[in-house]
């Protein structure tokens, strides 16, 4: 998938479902923004690289997992990256459904904790969950349920 030409920054997020639970990882103190917030694995896309392969690389780097992408689930355009208006240009985030093919959980220094949780448990994190992750979960509830995520 080629990069859209809109003068924006882009990032990928991967919704990994296993045993009816979704993986969330918490941003560590090594980050500039969003410290202590849980989010889906992923990250910024290098403009010279292909979107899908960049997502696979980011997920592996952040979690230690090799995943298989099933489908692009959605996208979001914003002018902020963590609840603060920090850039005048749009930021496009692409969301992908995925399953683990291999690997063991091994977090990078960018994240200090990982949890597997149901839909209800994820939303119960409240302020510990990034706003964009909360918004995405609420918007795509039905599709996540069809993909196997427990709503309990």
C-alpha atoms as a PDB file:
ATOM      1  CA  UNK A   1       0.000   0.000   0.000  1.00  0.00           C
ATOM      2  CA  UNK A   2       1.622   3.304  -1.046  1.00  0.00           C
ATOM      3  CA  UNK A   3       1.784   6.282   1.273  1.00  0.00           C
ATOM      4  CA  UNK A   4      -0.942   8.906   0.735  1.00  0.00           C
ATOM      5  CA  UNK A   5       0.456  12.236  -0.445  1.00  0.00           C
ATOM      6  CA  UNK A   6      -1.116  14.719   1.921  1.00  0.00           C
ATOM      7  CA  UNK A   7       1.890  16.227   3.701  1.00  0.00           C
ATOM      8  CA  UNK A   8       1.059  14.255   6.810  1.00  0.00           C
ATOM      9  CA  UNK A   9       2.771  12.022   9.276  1.00  0.00           C
ATOM     10  CA  UNK A  10       1.542   8.444   9.301  1.00  0.00           C
ATOM     11  CA  UNK A  11       1.493   5.646  11.813  1.00  0.00           C
ATOM     12  CA  UNK A  12       0.188   2.091  12.071  1.00  0.00           C
ATOM     13  CA  UNK A  13      -1.484   0.412  15.027  1.00  0.00           C
ATOM     14  CA  UNK A  14      -2.032  -3.318  15.243  1.00  0.00           C
ATOM     15  CA  UNK A  15      -4.977  -4.861  17.083  1.00  0.00           C
ATOM     16  CA  UNK A  16      -3.656  -8.279  18.103  1.00  0.00           C
ATOM     17  CA  UNK A  17      -6.309 -10.671  19.395  1.00  0.00           C
ATOM     18  CA  UNK A  18      -5.388 -13.942  21.161  1.00  0.00           C
ATOM     19  CA  UNK A  19      -7.624 -16.147  23.302  1.00  0.00           C
ATOM     20  CA  UNK A  20     -10.438 -13.574  22.974  1.00  0.00           C
ATOM     21  CA  UNK A  21      -8.261 -10.799  24.441  1.00  0.00           C
ATOM     22  CA  UNK A  22      -6.487  -7.817  22.877  1.00  0.00           C
ATOM     23  CA  UNK A  23      -2.881  -6.814  23.547  1.00  0.00           C
ATOM     24  CA  UNK A  24      -2.257  -3.353  24.998  1.00  0.00           C
ATOM     25  CA  UNK A  25       1.190  -1.998  25.800  1.00  0.00           C
ATOM     26  CA  UNK A  26       2.015   0.897  28.143  1.00  0.00           C
ATOM     27  CA  UNK A  27       4.311   3.727  27.066  1.00  0.00           C
ATOM     28  CA  UNK A  28       7.398   4.006  29.268  1.00  0.00           C
ATOM     29  CA  UNK A  29       9.212   7.057  30.596  1.00  0.00           C
ATOM     30  CA  UNK A  30      11.492   6.850  27.526  1.00  0.00           C
ATOM     31  CA  UNK A  31       8.703   8.437  25.436  1.00  0.00           C
ATOM     32  CA  UNK A  32       8.201  12.140  24.826  1.00  0.00           C
ATOM     33  CA  UNK A  33       4.390  11.851  24.890  1.00  0.00           C
ATOM     34  CA  UNK A  34       1.773   9.550  26.327  1.00  0.00           C
ATOM     35  CA  UNK A  35       3.869   8.244  29.219  1.00  0.00           C
ATOM     36  CA  UNK A  36       1.914   5.689  31.244  1.00  0.00           C
ATOM     37  CA  UNK A  37      -0.828   5.278  28.622  1.00  0.00           C
ATOM     38  CA  UNK A  38      -1.837   1.900  27.198  1.00  0.00           C
ATOM     39  CA  UNK A  39      -2.141   1.625  23.418  1.00  0.00           C
ATOM     40  CA  UNK A  40      -2.093  -0.854  20.562  1.00  0.00           C
ATOM     41  CA  UNK A  41       1.387  -1.820  19.299  1.00  0.00           C
ATOM     42  CA  UNK A  42       2.643   0.141  16.287  1.00  0.00           C
ATOM     43  CA  UNK A  43       4.373   3.352  15.423  1.00  0.00           C
ATOM     44  CA  UNK A  44       5.310   5.968  12.865  1.00  0.00           C
ATOM     45  CA  UNK A  45       5.816   4.947   9.273  1.00  0.00           C
ATOM     46  CA  UNK A  46       9.056   5.866   7.553  1.00  0.00           C
ATOM     47  CA  UNK A  47       8.000   7.654   4.356  1.00  0.00           C
ATOM     48  CA  UNK A  48      10.387   5.556   2.274  1.00  0.00           C
ATOM     49  CA  UNK A  49       8.935   2.211   3.374  1.00  0.00           C
ATOM     50  CA  UNK A  50       5.831   0.223   2.474  1.00  0.00           C
ATOM     51  CA  UNK A  51       3.005   0.568   5.013  1.00  0.00           C
ATOM     52  CA  UNK A  52       2.307  -3.114   5.733  1.00  0.00           C
ATOM     53  CA  UNK A  53       5.955  -4.114   6.106  1.00  0.00           C
ATOM     54  CA  UNK A  54       6.568  -1.107   8.359  1.00  0.00           C
ATOM     55  CA  UNK A  55       3.674  -2.199  10.589  1.00  0.00           C
ATOM     56  CA  UNK A  56       5.082  -5.725  10.860  1.00  0.00           C
ATOM     57  CA  UNK A  57       8.516  -4.303  11.744  1.00  0.00           C
ATOM     58  CA  UNK A  58       7.107  -1.944  14.410  1.00  0.00           C
ATOM     59  CA  UNK A  59       5.019  -4.678  16.060  1.00  0.00           C
ATOM     60  CA  UNK A  60       7.987  -7.061  16.146  1.00  0.00           C
ATOM     61  CA  UNK A  61      10.265  -4.352  17.536  1.00  0.00           C
ATOM     62  CA  UNK A  62       7.794  -3.326  20.262  1.00  0.00           C
ATOM     63  CA  UNK A  63       6.439  -6.749  21.281  1.00  0.00           C
ATOM     64  CA  UNK A  64       8.735  -9.511  19.992  1.00  0.00           C
ATOM     65  CA  UNK A  65       5.825 -11.024  18.041  1.00  0.00           C
ATOM     66  CA  UNK A  66       5.714 -11.851  14.357  1.00  0.00           C
ATOM     67  CA  UNK A  67       2.107 -11.207  13.329  1.00  0.00           C
ATOM     68  CA  UNK A  68      -0.046 -11.812  10.277  1.00  0.00           C
ATOM     69  CA  UNK A  69      -2.216  -8.881   9.218  1.00  0.00           C
ATOM     70  CA  UNK A  70      -5.796  -9.897   8.444  1.00  0.00           C
ATOM     71  CA  UNK A  71      -7.313  -6.633   7.309  1.00  0.00           C
ATOM     72  CA  UNK A  72      -7.132  -2.895   7.664  1.00  0.00           C
ATOM     73  CA  UNK A  73      -9.877  -2.088  10.118  1.00  0.00           C
ATOM     74  CA  UNK A  74      -9.955   1.672  10.012  1.00  0.00           C
ATOM     75  CA  UNK A  75      -8.075   4.931  10.169  1.00  0.00           C
ATOM     76  CA  UNK A  76      -8.059   8.202  12.041  1.00  0.00           C
ATOM     77  CA  UNK A  77      -6.828  11.668  11.123  1.00  0.00           C
ATOM     78  CA  UNK A  78      -5.855  13.991  13.932  1.00  0.00           C
ATOM     79  CA  UNK A  79      -3.728  17.025  14.631  1.00  0.00           C
ATOM     80  CA  UNK A  80      -2.348  15.635  17.825  1.00  0.00           C
ATOM     81  CA  UNK A  81      -0.310  12.686  18.972  1.00  0.00           C
ATOM     82  CA  UNK A  82      -1.286  12.017  22.616  1.00  0.00           C
ATOM     83  CA  UNK A  83      -3.982  14.452  23.567  1.00  0.00           C
ATOM     84  CA  UNK A  84      -1.991  17.637  22.965  1.00  0.00           C
ATOM     85  CA  UNK A  85      -2.077  19.794  19.857  1.00  0.00           C
ATOM     86  CA  UNK A  86       1.539  19.497  18.820  1.00  0.00           C
ATOM     87  CA  UNK A  87       1.678  19.688  15.032  1.00  0.00           C
ATOM     88  CA  UNK A  88      -0.078  21.866  12.458  1.00  0.00           C
ATOM     89  CA  UNK A  89      -0.094  19.028   9.866  1.00  0.00           C
ATOM     90  CA  UNK A  90      -2.463  16.037   9.909  1.00  0.00           C
ATOM     91  CA  UNK A  91      -1.431  12.752  11.469  1.00  0.00           C
ATOM     92  CA  UNK A  92      -2.976   9.665   9.825  1.00  0.00           C
ATOM     93  CA  UNK A  93      -3.172   6.454  11.868  1.00  0.00           C
ATOM     94  CA  UNK A  94      -4.056   3.162  10.170  1.00  0.00           C
ATOM     95  CA  UNK A  95      -5.463   0.292  12.264  1.00  0.00           C
ATOM     96  CA  UNK A  96      -4.983  -3.383  11.366  1.00  0.00           C
ATOM     97  CA  UNK A  97      -6.452  -6.611  12.770  1.00  0.00           C
ATOM     98  CA  UNK A  98      -3.765  -9.253  13.342  1.00  0.00           C
ATOM     99  CA  UNK A  99      -2.958 -12.607  14.882  1.00  0.00           C
ATOM    100  CA  UNK A 100       0.350 -13.835  16.290  1.00  0.00           C
ATOM    101  CA  UNK A 101       2.292 -16.239  14.090  1.00  0.00           C
ATOM    102  CA  UNK A 102       5.347 -16.688  16.320  1.00  0.00           C
ATOM    103  CA  UNK A 103       7.528 -15.126  18.994  1.00  0.00           C
ATOM    104  CA  UNK A 104       7.482 -14.435  22.709  1.00  0.00           C
ATOM    105  CA  UNK A 105       6.483 -11.196  24.367  1.00  0.00           C
ATOM    106  CA  UNK A 106       9.572  -9.000  24.690  1.00  0.00           C
ATOM    107  CA  UNK A 107       8.854  -5.283  25.094  1.00  0.00           C
ATOM    108  CA  UNK A 108      11.170  -2.619  23.728  1.00  0.00           C
ATOM    109  CA  UNK A 109      12.340   0.243  25.942  1.00  0.00           C
ATOM    110  CA  UNK A 110       9.469   2.334  24.542  1.00  0.00           C
ATOM    111  CA  UNK A 111       7.011   0.271  26.620  1.00  0.00           C
ATOM    112  CA  UNK A 112       7.226  -1.024  30.181  1.00  0.00           C
ATOM    113  CA  UNK A 113       4.134  -3.219  30.598  1.00  0.00           C
ATOM    114  CA  UNK A 114       1.779  -5.345  28.514  1.00  0.00           C
ATOM    115  CA  UNK A 115      -1.678  -6.673  29.276  1.00  0.00           C
ATOM    116  CA  UNK A 116      -4.122  -8.955  27.491  1.00  0.00           C
ATOM    117  CA  UNK A 117      -7.653  -7.815  28.189  1.00  0.00           C
ATOM    118  CA  UNK A 118     -11.247  -8.109  27.094  1.00  0.00           C
ATOM    119  CA  UNK A 119     -13.124  -5.176  25.603  1.00  0.00           C
ATOM    120  CA  UNK A 120     -14.692  -4.341  28.962  1.00  0.00           C
ATOM    121  CA  UNK A 121     -11.359  -4.642  30.827  1.00  0.00           C
ATOM    122  CA  UNK A 122      -9.672  -2.360  28.293  1.00  0.00           C
ATOM    123  CA  UNK A 123     -12.281   0.377  28.702  1.00  0.00           C
ATOM    124  CA  UNK A 124     -12.117  -0.044  32.499  1.00  0.00           C
ATOM    125  CA  UNK A 125      -8.512   1.226  32.330  1.00  0.00           C
ATOM    126  CA  UNK A 126     -10.066   4.692  32.002  1.00  0.00           C
ATOM    127  CA  UNK A 127      -7.417   7.420  31.970  1.00  0.00           C
ATOM    128  CA  UNK A 128      -4.635   4.820  31.676  1.00  0.00           C
ATOM    129  CA  UNK A 129      -5.858   4.050  28.143  1.00  0.00           C
ATOM    130  CA  UNK A 130      -4.844   6.521  25.438  1.00  0.00           C
ATOM    131  CA  UNK A 131      -7.754   8.562  24.122  1.00  0.00           C
ATOM    132  CA  UNK A 132      -7.258   7.385  20.553  1.00  0.00           C
ATOM    133  CA  UNK A 133      -7.318   3.744  21.740  1.00  0.00           C
ATOM    134  CA  UNK A 134     -10.506   4.354  23.743  1.00  0.00           C
ATOM    135  CA  UNK A 135     -12.146   6.045  20.748  1.00  0.00           C
ATOM    136  CA  UNK A 136     -11.105   3.246  18.418  1.00  0.00           C
ATOM    137  CA  UNK A 137     -12.417   0.486  20.695  1.00  0.00           C
ATOM    138  CA  UNK A 138     -15.794   2.187  21.021  1.00  0.00           C
ATOM    139  CA  UNK A 139     -16.113   2.881  17.299  1.00  0.00           C
ATOM    140  CA  UNK A 140     -15.174  -0.644  16.187  1.00  0.00           C
ATOM    141  CA  UNK A 141     -16.847  -2.707  18.910  1.00  0.00           C
ATOM    142  CA  UNK A 142     -18.909  -4.867  16.518  1.00  0.00           C
ATOM    143  CA  UNK A 143     -15.991  -5.703  14.214  1.00  0.00           C
ATOM    144  CA  UNK A 144     -13.742  -6.538  17.171  1.00  0.00           C
ATOM    145  CA  UNK A 145     -16.404  -8.881  18.521  1.00  0.00           C
ATOM    146  CA  UNK A 146     -16.642 -10.623  15.119  1.00  0.00           C
ATOM    147  CA  UNK A 147     -12.833 -11.004  15.117  1.00  0.00           C
ATOM    148  CA  UNK A 148     -13.077 -12.868  18.433  1.00  0.00           C
ATOM    149  CA  UNK A 149     -12.537 -10.258  21.132  1.00  0.00           C
ATOM    150  CA  UNK A 150     -14.535 -10.995  24.294  1.00  0.00           C
ATOM    151  CA  UNK A 151     -16.897  -8.185  25.209  1.00  0.00           C
ATOM    152  CA  UNK A 152     -16.930  -9.210  28.903  1.00  0.00           C
END
